[in-house]
Amino acid sequence: MKVNFESVKATFAGFAQQAKVRKGMLTVVAAFFVLQVYFVRELLAAELLFGMGFAVLFVLGLLFYFIGMIGERGLELGEVGVRVIANSARRGFEGLEDASRKTLGNSGSESARKAA
């Protein structure tokens, strides 16, 4: 059996060319997937950072809301306290006026009886 080295060489060259093409395509596809995985990881990291930023803004908003709500409630309580104090002061002043009228009107002194 006679072997034609030229045909074997051409056959192996064809396989080698096909293997090089396959290896090159496999390298390109692998690089594409690696870049996609990296891109997806970067997108997930960016999304997590944005999510944490929005969570911080949300917590700050809630904090400001509660501080405002507590301030409004404090003003309402302060208004009630001022009304209680004002009513007490008014009653006390009226009591003082009544007491001063009674003592002047019911005085047992001669000058008070003569004036009346």
Protein backbone atom coordinates (compact mmCIF):
# COMPACT_ATOMS: atom_id res chain seq x y z
CA MET A 1 0.00 0.00 0.00
CA LYS A 2 1.42 3.20 -1.15
CA VAL A 3 0.82 6.30 1.01
CA ASN A 4 0.67 9.64 -0.67
CA PHE A 5 2.29 12.01 1.79
CA GLU A 6 1.06 15.04 -0.05
CA SER A 7 -2.58 14.09 0.36
CA VAL A 8 -2.07 13.22 4.05
CA LYS A 9 -0.29 16.51 4.55
CA ALA A 10 -3.10 18.40 2.84
CA THR A 11 -5.68 16.56 4.91
CA PHE A 12 -3.88 17.37 8.16
CA ALA A 13 -3.43 20.98 7.04
CA GLY A 14 -7.19 21.17 6.43
CA PHE A 15 -7.84 19.75 9.90
CA ALA A 16 -5.32 22.14 11.39
CA GLN A 17 -6.97 25.06 9.62
CA GLN A 18 -10.36 23.93 10.85
CA ALA A 19 -8.98 23.46 14.37
CA LYS A 20 -7.44 26.95 14.25
CA VAL A 21 -10.76 28.39 13.11
CA ARG A 22 -12.60 26.46 15.80
CA LYS A 23 -10.05 27.48 18.41
CA GLY A 24 -10.28 31.12 17.30
CA MET A 25 -14.08 31.05 17.31
CA LEU A 26 -14.06 29.35 20.69
CA THR A 27 -11.70 32.03 22.00
CA VAL A 28 -13.96 34.80 20.64
CA VAL A 29 -17.09 33.19 22.09
CA ALA A 30 -15.35 32.62 25.45
CA ALA A 31 -14.16 36.24 25.52
CA PHE A 32 -17.70 37.37 24.67
CA PHE A 33 -19.17 35.35 27.55
CA VAL A 34 -16.47 36.51 29.95
CA LEU A 35 -17.17 40.12 29.00
CA GLN A 36 -20.91 39.51 29.38
CA VAL A 37 -20.43 38.02 32.82
CA TYR A 38 -18.21 40.98 33.77
CA PHE A 39 -20.77 43.42 32.34
CA VAL A 40 -23.59 41.71 34.24
CA ARG A 41 -21.57 41.82 37.45
CA GLU A 42 -20.88 45.52 36.92
CA LEU A 43 -24.56 46.19 36.25
CA LEU A 44 -25.56 44.29 39.38
CA ALA A 45 -22.99 46.20 41.44
CA ALA A 46 -24.24 49.51 40.04
CA GLU A 47 -27.85 48.51 40.75
CA LEU A 48 -26.95 47.59 44.33
CA LEU A 49 -25.18 50.93 44.80
CA PHE A 50 -28.17 52.82 43.42
CA GLY A 51 -30.49 50.74 45.59
CA MET A 52 -28.45 51.56 48.70
CA GLY A 53 -28.45 55.24 47.73
CA PHE A 54 -32.22 55.28 47.33
CA ALA A 55 -32.60 53.39 50.62
CA VAL A 56 -30.53 56.07 52.37
CA LEU A 57 -32.64 58.81 50.78
CA PHE A 58 -35.81 56.96 51.81
CA VAL A 59 -34.62 56.67 55.42
CA LEU A 60 -33.68 60.36 55.46
CA GLY A 61 -37.11 61.25 54.09
CA LEU A 62 -38.81 59.16 56.78
CA LEU A 63 -36.61 60.77 59.43
CA PHE A 64 -37.50 64.28 58.28
CA TYR A 65 -41.18 63.32 58.09
CA PHE A 66 -41.17 61.98 61.65
CA ILE A 67 -39.29 65.02 62.94
CA GLY A 68 -41.90 67.26 61.29
CA MET A 69 -44.73 65.17 62.69
CA ILE A 70 -43.23 65.31 66.19
CA GLY A 71 -42.77 69.09 65.82
CA GLU A 72 -46.41 69.53 64.83
CA ARG A 73 -47.52 67.39 67.76
CA GLY A 74 -45.30 69.44 70.07
CA LEU A 75 -46.87 72.65 68.81
CA GLU A 76 -50.33 71.22 69.45
CA LEU A 77 -49.35 70.22 72.98
CA GLY A 78 -47.74 73.61 73.53
CA GLU A 79 -50.90 75.34 72.38
CA VAL A 80 -52.98 73.29 74.81
CA GLY A 81 -50.55 74.10 77.62
CA VAL A 82 -50.65 77.81 76.81
CA ARG A 83 -54.45 77.74 76.84
CA VAL A 84 -54.48 76.02 80.24
CA ILE A 85 -52.01 78.56 81.63
CA ALA A 86 -53.96 81.47 80.09
CA ASN A 87 -57.25 80.19 81.54
CA SER A 88 -55.65 79.73 84.95
CA ALA A 89 -54.11 83.22 84.81
CA ARG A 90 -57.45 84.72 83.73
CA ARG A 91 -59.29 83.00 86.58
CA GLY A 92 -56.63 84.07 89.02
CA PHE A 93 -56.80 87.67 87.81
CA GLU A 94 -60.60 87.65 88.04
CA GLY A 95 -60.35 86.20 91.53
CA LEU A 96 -57.96 88.97 92.51
CA GLU A 97 -60.31 91.58 91.08
CA ASP A 98 -63.26 90.08 93.00
CA ALA A 99 -61.23 89.91 96.17
CA SER A 100 -60.07 93.49 95.82
CA ARG A 101 -63.67 94.69 95.20
CA LYS A 102 -65.00 92.75 98.15
CA THR A 103 -62.40 94.03 100.53
CA LEU A 104 -62.87 97.61 99.41
CA GLY A 105 -66.66 97.40 99.37
CA ASN A 106 -67.02 95.64 102.72
CA SER A 107 -64.52 97.69 104.57
CA GLY A 108 -65.47 98.42 108.13
CA SER A 109 -63.55 101.68 108.31
CA GLU A 110 -65.32 104.98 108.91
CA SER A 111 -63.94 106.56 105.77
CA ALA A 112 -65.37 103.75 103.68
CA ARG A 113 -68.79 104.14 105.35
CA LYS A 114 -68.78 107.87 104.86
CA ALA A 115 -67.86 107.50 101.21
CA ALA A 116 -70.77 105.16 100.64
